[in-house]
Structures are given as C-alpha cells and as structure tokens.
C-alpha cells in the first residue's frame, strides 16, 4: 500500500512538474511575442521620427 502511495505521489509530482514547465514555456513564448512586437514598434518609431525631425527642420 505504501509503495502504491509513493508511486502515485511521484506520478503527481511529475505531472505537476510538466504542468509548471508547460506554463513557463507558454509564458516565455508570450513574452517573446510581446518583445518582438515592441521591438518592431520601436524600429517603426525610429524610422518615423527621423523623417518627422527632418520635416520639422525643413519648416
């Protein structure tokens, strides 16, 4: 009986570890996506701002 309890608790721990790893992986993917969008937004802003600055200096 105790061996069965130990086995089931080990199985539960393994399942919990997999779940945590899965959540961490998904969160990391989400953060990578957000970071990618922010970097593309930053490059867009950097592309736009020099032209806006050039227009301002032209005026």
N, C-alpha and C. Protein backbone atom coordinates (compact mmCIF):
# COMPACT_ATOMS: atom_id res chain seq x y z
N UNK A 1 0.84 -1.21 0.00
CA UNK A 1 0.00 0.00 0.00
C UNK A 1 0.87 1.26 0.00
N UNK A 2 1.92 1.25 0.84
CA UNK A 2 2.78 2.44 0.89
C UNK A 2 3.52 2.64 -0.42
N UNK A 3 3.90 1.53 -1.06
CA UNK A 3 4.59 1.63 -2.35
C UNK A 3 3.68 2.28 -3.39
N UNK A 4 2.41 1.92 -3.36
CA UNK A 4 1.42 2.49 -4.28
C UNK A 4 1.27 3.98 -4.00
N UNK A 5 1.23 4.37 -2.72
CA UNK A 5 1.11 5.79 -2.37
C UNK A 5 2.31 6.57 -2.85
N UNK A 6 3.52 6.00 -2.64
CA UNK A 6 4.74 6.67 -3.08
C UNK A 6 4.73 6.81 -4.60
N UNK A 7 4.33 5.74 -5.28
CA UNK A 7 4.28 5.76 -6.74
C UNK A 7 3.31 6.81 -7.25
N UNK A 8 2.13 6.90 -6.64
CA UNK A 8 1.14 7.88 -7.08
C UNK A 8 1.60 9.30 -6.78
N UNK A 9 2.27 9.50 -5.63
CA UNK A 9 2.75 10.84 -5.31
C UNK A 9 3.86 11.26 -6.26
N UNK A 10 4.72 10.29 -6.63
CA UNK A 10 5.78 10.58 -7.61
C UNK A 10 5.16 10.95 -8.95
N UNK A 11 4.12 10.18 -9.34
CA UNK A 11 3.43 10.46 -10.59
C UNK A 11 2.80 11.85 -10.56
N UNK A 12 2.17 12.20 -9.43
CA UNK A 12 1.56 13.52 -9.28
C UNK A 12 2.62 14.62 -9.37
N UNK A 13 3.78 14.39 -8.72
CA UNK A 13 4.86 15.36 -8.77
C UNK A 13 5.38 15.54 -10.19
N UNK A 14 5.50 14.44 -10.92
CA UNK A 14 5.96 14.51 -12.31
C UNK A 14 4.95 15.30 -13.15
N UNK A 15 3.66 15.03 -12.95
CA UNK A 15 2.61 15.75 -13.67
C UNK A 15 2.65 17.24 -13.34
N UNK A 16 2.83 17.57 -12.06
CA UNK A 16 2.93 18.97 -11.66
C UNK A 16 4.13 19.65 -12.29
N UNK A 17 5.26 18.94 -12.32
CA UNK A 17 6.47 19.49 -12.93
C UNK A 17 6.24 19.76 -14.40
N UNK A 18 5.59 18.82 -15.09
CA UNK A 18 5.29 19.01 -16.51
C UNK A 18 4.37 20.20 -16.72
N UNK A 19 3.37 20.34 -15.84
CA UNK A 19 2.43 21.44 -15.95
C UNK A 19 3.13 22.78 -15.76
N UNK A 20 3.99 22.84 -14.74
CA UNK A 20 4.75 24.07 -14.48
C UNK A 20 5.65 24.40 -15.66
N UNK A 21 6.34 23.39 -16.18
CA UNK A 21 7.22 23.59 -17.34
C UNK A 21 6.42 24.10 -18.53
N UNK A 22 5.23 23.52 -18.75
CA UNK A 22 4.37 23.92 -19.85
C UNK A 22 3.94 25.38 -19.70
N UNK A 23 3.54 25.76 -18.48
CA UNK A 23 3.13 27.14 -18.23
C UNK A 23 4.29 28.10 -18.44
N UNK A 24 5.46 27.74 -17.94
CA UNK A 24 6.65 28.58 -18.10
C UNK A 24 6.97 28.75 -19.58
N UNK A 25 6.87 27.65 -20.34
CA UNK A 25 7.15 27.67 -21.77
C UNK A 25 6.18 28.59 -22.49
N UNK A 26 4.87 28.47 -22.17
CA UNK A 26 3.87 29.32 -22.79
C UNK A 26 4.07 30.78 -22.43
N UNK A 27 4.39 31.04 -21.15
CA UNK A 27 4.62 32.42 -20.72
C UNK A 27 5.83 33.00 -21.45
N UNK A 28 6.87 32.19 -21.59
CA UNK A 28 8.07 32.66 -22.29
C UNK A 28 7.75 32.97 -23.74
N UNK A 29 6.95 32.10 -24.39
CA UNK A 29 6.56 32.35 -25.77
C UNK A 29 5.78 33.65 -25.88
N UNK A 30 4.86 33.88 -24.92
CA UNK A 30 4.06 35.09 -24.91
C UNK A 30 4.96 36.32 -24.75
N UNK A 31 5.93 36.24 -23.81
CA UNK A 31 6.84 37.36 -23.60
C UNK A 31 7.70 37.61 -24.82
N UNK A 32 8.13 36.54 -25.51
CA UNK A 32 8.91 36.70 -26.73
C UNK A 32 8.09 37.40 -27.80
N UNK A 33 6.80 37.04 -27.89
CA UNK A 33 5.90 37.66 -28.86
C UNK A 33 5.74 39.14 -28.55
N UNK A 34 5.53 39.46 -27.26
CA UNK A 34 5.37 40.86 -26.84
C UNK A 34 6.65 41.63 -27.13
N UNK A 35 7.80 41.02 -26.80
CA UNK A 35 9.08 41.68 -27.03
C UNK A 35 9.29 41.94 -28.51
N UNK A 36 8.92 40.96 -29.34
CA UNK A 36 9.06 41.10 -30.79
C UNK A 36 8.20 42.25 -31.29
N UNK A 37 6.95 42.32 -30.80
CA UNK A 37 6.06 43.40 -31.21
C UNK A 37 6.58 44.75 -30.75
N UNK A 38 7.13 44.80 -29.52
CA UNK A 38 7.68 46.06 -29.01
C UNK A 38 8.89 46.49 -29.82
N UNK A 39 9.75 45.54 -30.18
CA UNK A 39 10.95 45.88 -30.95
C UNK A 39 10.56 46.37 -32.35
N UNK A 40 9.55 45.73 -32.96
CA UNK A 40 9.11 46.18 -34.29
C UNK A 40 8.48 47.56 -34.19
N UNK A 41 7.74 47.80 -33.10
CA UNK A 41 7.16 49.11 -32.87
C UNK A 41 8.25 50.16 -32.67
N UNK A 42 9.29 49.78 -31.93
CA UNK A 42 10.41 50.70 -31.69
C UNK A 42 11.12 51.02 -32.99
N UNK A 43 11.34 50.03 -33.83
CA UNK A 43 12.00 50.29 -35.11
C UNK A 43 11.12 51.16 -36.00
N UNK A 44 9.81 50.94 -35.94
CA UNK A 44 8.87 51.77 -36.70
C UNK A 44 8.95 53.21 -36.24
N UNK A 45 8.94 53.42 -34.92
CA UNK A 45 9.05 54.76 -34.36
C UNK A 45 10.37 55.40 -34.77
N UNK A 46 11.46 54.63 -34.70
CA UNK A 46 12.77 55.14 -35.08
C UNK A 46 12.81 55.49 -36.56
N UNK A 47 12.08 54.73 -37.37
CA UNK A 47 12.01 55.05 -38.80
C UNK A 47 11.20 56.31 -39.03
N UNK A 48 10.12 56.46 -38.27
CA UNK A 48 9.24 57.60 -38.46
C UNK A 48 9.84 58.90 -37.92
N UNK A 49 10.51 58.80 -36.77
CA UNK A 49 10.97 60.02 -36.12
C UNK A 49 12.02 60.80 -36.91
N UNK A 50 13.02 60.17 -37.53
CA UNK A 50 13.98 60.95 -38.31
C UNK A 50 13.31 61.73 -39.43
N UNK A 51 12.34 61.12 -40.10
CA UNK A 51 11.64 61.81 -41.18
C UNK A 51 10.82 62.98 -40.62
N UNK A 52 10.18 62.75 -39.46
CA UNK A 52 9.42 63.82 -38.82
C UNK A 52 10.36 64.95 -38.39
N UNK A 53 11.53 64.59 -37.86
CA UNK A 53 12.51 65.58 -37.44
C UNK A 53 13.03 66.35 -38.65
N UNK A 54 13.24 65.61 -39.75
CA UNK A 54 13.72 66.26 -40.97
C UNK A 54 12.67 67.25 -41.48
N UNK A 55 11.39 66.87 -41.43
CA UNK A 55 10.32 67.77 -41.85
C UNK A 55 10.28 69.01 -40.95
N UNK A 56 10.46 68.79 -39.65
CA UNK A 56 10.45 69.91 -38.71
C UNK A 56 11.61 70.86 -39.00
N UNK A 57 12.77 70.34 -39.32
CA UNK A 57 13.91 71.20 -39.61
C UNK A 57 13.72 71.89 -40.96
N UNK A 58 13.02 71.22 -41.88
CA UNK A 58 12.75 71.86 -43.17
C UNK A 58 11.83 73.06 -42.98
N UNK A 59 10.84 72.91 -42.09
CA UNK A 59 9.94 74.02 -41.85
C UNK A 59 10.67 75.07 -41.04
